[in-house]
């Protein structure tokens, strides 16, 4: 079976916090021919682990890398890697995703009110500008 997994399936597989749902999710994730993981699901996955479960950056990155290294998982790896680069630098996964997708869509500069995001992106050699209110 080729399937698209909702974020809650990915989370149950990573957290193993509900015996029945976690076992069902793990079975699906192991046995599906293909698991399509939209980048938006990765953003939700990271957000829940960071904000809801208070996992540290490194633990979230490790869990995400484990998921993405599964042979049956497909995603936009370039965009996911950009998010991971931000996450591993102590930033927001989604900011890396937004910058990369925006660039792919023709955006030449990432703009934000988020000082940390702009700083981290500039450190990576990306064009980013802090807007002042």
C-alpha atoms as a PDB file:
ATOM      1  CA  UNK A   1       0.000   0.000   0.000  1.00  0.00           C
ATOM      2  CA  UNK A   2       1.160   3.545  -0.793  1.00  0.00           C
ATOM      3  CA  UNK A   3      -0.154   6.013   1.751  1.00  0.00           C
ATOM      4  CA  UNK A   4       0.091   9.525   3.107  1.00  0.00           C
ATOM      5  CA  UNK A   5       0.488   9.533   6.869  1.00  0.00           C
ATOM      6  CA  UNK A   6      -1.206  12.144   9.013  1.00  0.00           C
ATOM      7  CA  UNK A   7       1.043  13.814  11.565  1.00  0.00           C
ATOM      8  CA  UNK A   8      -0.634  11.893  14.392  1.00  0.00           C
ATOM      9  CA  UNK A   9       0.536   8.607  12.818  1.00  0.00           C
ATOM     10  CA  UNK A  10       4.112   9.904  12.670  1.00  0.00           C
ATOM     11  CA  UNK A  11       3.889  11.109  16.274  1.00  0.00           C
ATOM     12  CA  UNK A  12       2.483   7.834  17.632  1.00  0.00           C
ATOM     13  CA  UNK A  13       5.349   6.019  15.898  1.00  0.00           C
ATOM     14  CA  UNK A  14       7.946   8.359  17.393  1.00  0.00           C
ATOM     15  CA  UNK A  15       6.469   8.719  20.872  1.00  0.00           C
ATOM     16  CA  UNK A  16       5.129   5.219  21.545  1.00  0.00           C
ATOM     17  CA  UNK A  17       2.918   6.920  24.137  1.00  0.00           C
ATOM     18  CA  UNK A  18      -0.330   5.074  23.436  1.00  0.00           C
ATOM     19  CA  UNK A  19       0.151   1.291  23.320  1.00  0.00           C
ATOM     20  CA  UNK A  20      -2.618   0.504  20.836  1.00  0.00           C
ATOM     21  CA  UNK A  21      -2.227   3.501  18.511  1.00  0.00           C
ATOM     22  CA  UNK A  22       1.567   3.343  18.651  1.00  0.00           C
ATOM     23  CA  UNK A  23       1.590  -0.345  17.691  1.00  0.00           C
ATOM     24  CA  UNK A  24      -0.831   0.307  14.819  1.00  0.00           C
ATOM     25  CA  UNK A  25       1.208   3.301  13.603  1.00  0.00           C
ATOM     26  CA  UNK A  26       4.504   1.407  13.857  1.00  0.00           C
ATOM     27  CA  UNK A  27       3.032  -1.495  11.877  1.00  0.00           C
ATOM     28  CA  UNK A  28       1.852   0.863   9.124  1.00  0.00           C
ATOM     29  CA  UNK A  29       5.147   2.766   9.027  1.00  0.00           C
ATOM     30  CA  UNK A  30       7.159  -0.457   8.780  1.00  0.00           C
ATOM     31  CA  UNK A  31       4.994  -2.293   6.290  1.00  0.00           C
ATOM     32  CA  UNK A  32       3.619   0.240   3.827  1.00  0.00           C
ATOM     33  CA  UNK A  33       5.268   0.151   0.437  1.00  0.00           C
ATOM     34  CA  UNK A  34       5.474   3.940   0.469  1.00  0.00           C
ATOM     35  CA  UNK A  35       4.763   6.589   3.101  1.00  0.00           C
ATOM     36  CA  UNK A  36       4.334  10.040   1.553  1.00  0.00           C
ATOM     37  CA  UNK A  37       5.166  12.686   4.150  1.00  0.00           C
ATOM     38  CA  UNK A  38       4.253  16.234   3.116  1.00  0.00           C
ATOM     39  CA  UNK A  39       6.585  18.893   4.482  1.00  0.00           C
ATOM     40  CA  UNK A  40       3.624  20.452   6.305  1.00  0.00           C
ATOM     41  CA  UNK A  41       3.330  17.209   8.316  1.00  0.00           C
ATOM     42  CA  UNK A  42       7.027  17.499   9.204  1.00  0.00           C
ATOM     43  CA  UNK A  43       6.428  21.055  10.433  1.00  0.00           C
ATOM     44  CA  UNK A  44       3.567  19.854  12.633  1.00  0.00           C
ATOM     45  CA  UNK A  45       5.660  16.895  13.852  1.00  0.00           C
ATOM     46  CA  UNK A  46       8.487  19.174  14.964  1.00  0.00           C
ATOM     47  CA  UNK A  47       6.109  21.720  16.516  1.00  0.00           C
ATOM     48  CA  UNK A  48       4.313  19.090  18.626  1.00  0.00           C
ATOM     49  CA  UNK A  49       7.559  17.527  19.844  1.00  0.00           C
ATOM     50  CA  UNK A  50       9.122  20.906  20.689  1.00  0.00           C
ATOM     51  CA  UNK A  51       6.100  22.748  22.094  1.00  0.00           C
ATOM     52  CA  UNK A  52       3.849  19.987  23.360  1.00  0.00           C
ATOM     53  CA  UNK A  53       6.393  17.473  24.600  1.00  0.00           C
ATOM     54  CA  UNK A  54       9.246  19.939  25.249  1.00  0.00           C
ATOM     55  CA  UNK A  55      11.794  17.736  23.502  1.00  0.00           C
ATOM     56  CA  UNK A  56      15.197  19.375  23.028  1.00  0.00           C
ATOM     57  CA  UNK A  57      16.303  20.410  19.531  1.00  0.00           C
ATOM     58  CA  UNK A  58      18.771  17.515  19.212  1.00  0.00           C
ATOM     59  CA  UNK A  59      16.220  14.865  20.186  1.00  0.00           C
ATOM     60  CA  UNK A  60      13.665  16.210  17.704  1.00  0.00           C
ATOM     61  CA  UNK A  61      16.278  16.317  14.934  1.00  0.00           C
ATOM     62  CA  UNK A  62      17.343  12.750  15.719  1.00  0.00           C
ATOM     63  CA  UNK A  63      13.753  11.515  15.608  1.00  0.00           C
ATOM     64  CA  UNK A  64      13.081  13.359  12.361  1.00  0.00           C
ATOM     65  CA  UNK A  65      16.256  12.020  10.758  1.00  0.00           C
ATOM     66  CA  UNK A  66      15.264   8.482  11.790  1.00  0.00           C
ATOM     67  CA  UNK A  67      11.869   8.933  10.157  1.00  0.00           C
ATOM     68  CA  UNK A  68      13.329  10.381   6.957  1.00  0.00           C
ATOM     69  CA  UNK A  69      15.930   7.627   6.676  1.00  0.00           C
ATOM     70  CA  UNK A  70      13.248   4.946   6.489  1.00  0.00           C
ATOM     71  CA  UNK A  71      13.485   3.354   3.029  1.00  0.00           C
ATOM     72  CA  UNK A  72       9.735   3.631   2.403  1.00  0.00           C
ATOM     73  CA  UNK A  73       9.409   7.322   3.379  1.00  0.00           C
ATOM     74  CA  UNK A  74       9.350   9.970   0.665  1.00  0.00           C
ATOM     75  CA  UNK A  75       9.252  13.720   1.128  1.00  0.00           C
ATOM     76  CA  UNK A  76      10.833  16.831  -0.305  1.00  0.00           C
ATOM     77  CA  UNK A  77      14.240  16.019   1.162  1.00  0.00           C
ATOM     78  CA  UNK A  78      15.878  19.312   0.175  1.00  0.00           C
ATOM     79  CA  UNK A  79      13.239  21.293   2.034  1.00  0.00           C
ATOM     80  CA  UNK A  80      13.296  18.923   5.013  1.00  0.00           C
ATOM     81  CA  UNK A  81      17.086  19.242   5.192  1.00  0.00           C
ATOM     82  CA  UNK A  82      16.809  23.042   5.227  1.00  0.00           C
ATOM     83  CA  UNK A  83      14.415  22.760   8.155  1.00  0.00           C
ATOM     84  CA  UNK A  84      16.755  20.366   9.940  1.00  0.00           C
ATOM     85  CA  UNK A  85      19.673  22.748   9.430  1.00  0.00           C
ATOM     86  CA  UNK A  86      17.691  25.469  11.202  1.00  0.00           C
ATOM     87  CA  UNK A  87      16.538  23.103  13.941  1.00  0.00           C
ATOM     88  CA  UNK A  88      20.050  21.843  14.621  1.00  0.00           C
ATOM     89  CA  UNK A  89      21.257  25.450  14.835  1.00  0.00           C
ATOM     90  CA  UNK A  90      18.700  26.060  17.593  1.00  0.00           C
ATOM     91  CA  UNK A  91      16.106  27.687  15.372  1.00  0.00           C
ATOM     92  CA  UNK A  92      12.661  26.934  14.068  1.00  0.00           C
ATOM     93  CA  UNK A  93      12.375  24.047  11.589  1.00  0.00           C
ATOM     94  CA  UNK A  94       9.549  25.836   9.802  1.00  0.00           C
ATOM     95  CA  UNK A  95      11.648  28.959   9.157  1.00  0.00           C
ATOM     96  CA  UNK A  96      14.151  26.840   7.223  1.00  0.00           C
ATOM     97  CA  UNK A  97      11.296  25.259   5.294  1.00  0.00           C
ATOM     98  CA  UNK A  98       9.697  28.615   4.497  1.00  0.00           C
ATOM     99  CA  UNK A  99      12.955  30.164   3.308  1.00  0.00           C
ATOM    100  CA  UNK A 100      13.774  27.228   1.046  1.00  0.00           C
ATOM    101  CA  UNK A 101      10.304  26.843  -0.425  1.00  0.00           C
ATOM    102  CA  UNK A 102      10.073  30.604  -0.892  1.00  0.00           C
ATOM    103  CA  UNK A 103      13.374  30.642  -2.743  1.00  0.00           C
ATOM    104  CA  UNK A 104      12.187  27.779  -4.950  1.00  0.00           C
ATOM    105  CA  UNK A 105       9.052  29.806  -5.726  1.00  0.00           C
ATOM    106  CA  UNK A 106      11.137  32.794  -6.783  1.00  0.00           C
ATOM    107  CA  UNK A 107      11.549  34.737  -3.560  1.00  0.00           C
ATOM    108  CA  UNK A 108      14.967  36.355  -3.381  1.00  0.00           C
ATOM    109  CA  UNK A 109      14.950  37.344   0.273  1.00  0.00           C
ATOM    110  CA  UNK A 110      13.385  35.943   3.429  1.00  0.00           C
ATOM    111  CA  UNK A 111      11.819  38.707   5.535  1.00  0.00           C
ATOM    112  CA  UNK A 112      10.588  38.367   9.089  1.00  0.00           C
ATOM    113  CA  UNK A 113      10.045  40.108  12.407  1.00  0.00           C
ATOM    114  CA  UNK A 114      11.839  37.107  13.970  1.00  0.00           C
ATOM    115  CA  UNK A 115      15.384  38.264  14.782  1.00  0.00           C
ATOM    116  CA  UNK A 116      16.646  34.748  15.562  1.00  0.00           C
ATOM    117  CA  UNK A 117      15.371  33.313  12.271  1.00  0.00           C
ATOM    118  CA  UNK A 118      16.962  36.108  10.250  1.00  0.00           C
ATOM    119  CA  UNK A 119      20.276  35.762  12.115  1.00  0.00           C
ATOM    120  CA  UNK A 120      20.437  31.985  11.654  1.00  0.00           C
ATOM    121  CA  UNK A 121      19.541  32.198   7.969  1.00  0.00           C
ATOM    122  CA  UNK A 122      22.206  34.849   7.375  1.00  0.00           C
ATOM    123  CA  UNK A 123      24.737  32.624   9.144  1.00  0.00           C
ATOM    124  CA  UNK A 124      23.843  29.944   6.580  1.00  0.00           C
ATOM    125  CA  UNK A 125      24.532  32.358   3.734  1.00  0.00           C
ATOM    126  CA  UNK A 126      20.862  32.971   2.933  1.00  0.00           C
ATOM    127  CA  UNK A 127      19.441  36.367   2.057  1.00  0.00           C
ATOM    128  CA  UNK A 128      17.300  37.397   5.006  1.00  0.00           C
ATOM    129  CA  UNK A 129      16.172  40.728   6.389  1.00  0.00           C
ATOM    130  CA  UNK A 130      14.676  41.735   9.709  1.00  0.00           C
ATOM    131  CA  UNK A 131      11.662  44.001   9.301  1.00  0.00           C
ATOM    132  CA  UNK A 132      11.248  46.724  11.871  1.00  0.00           C
ATOM    133  CA  UNK A 133       7.781  47.595  13.075  1.00  0.00           C
END
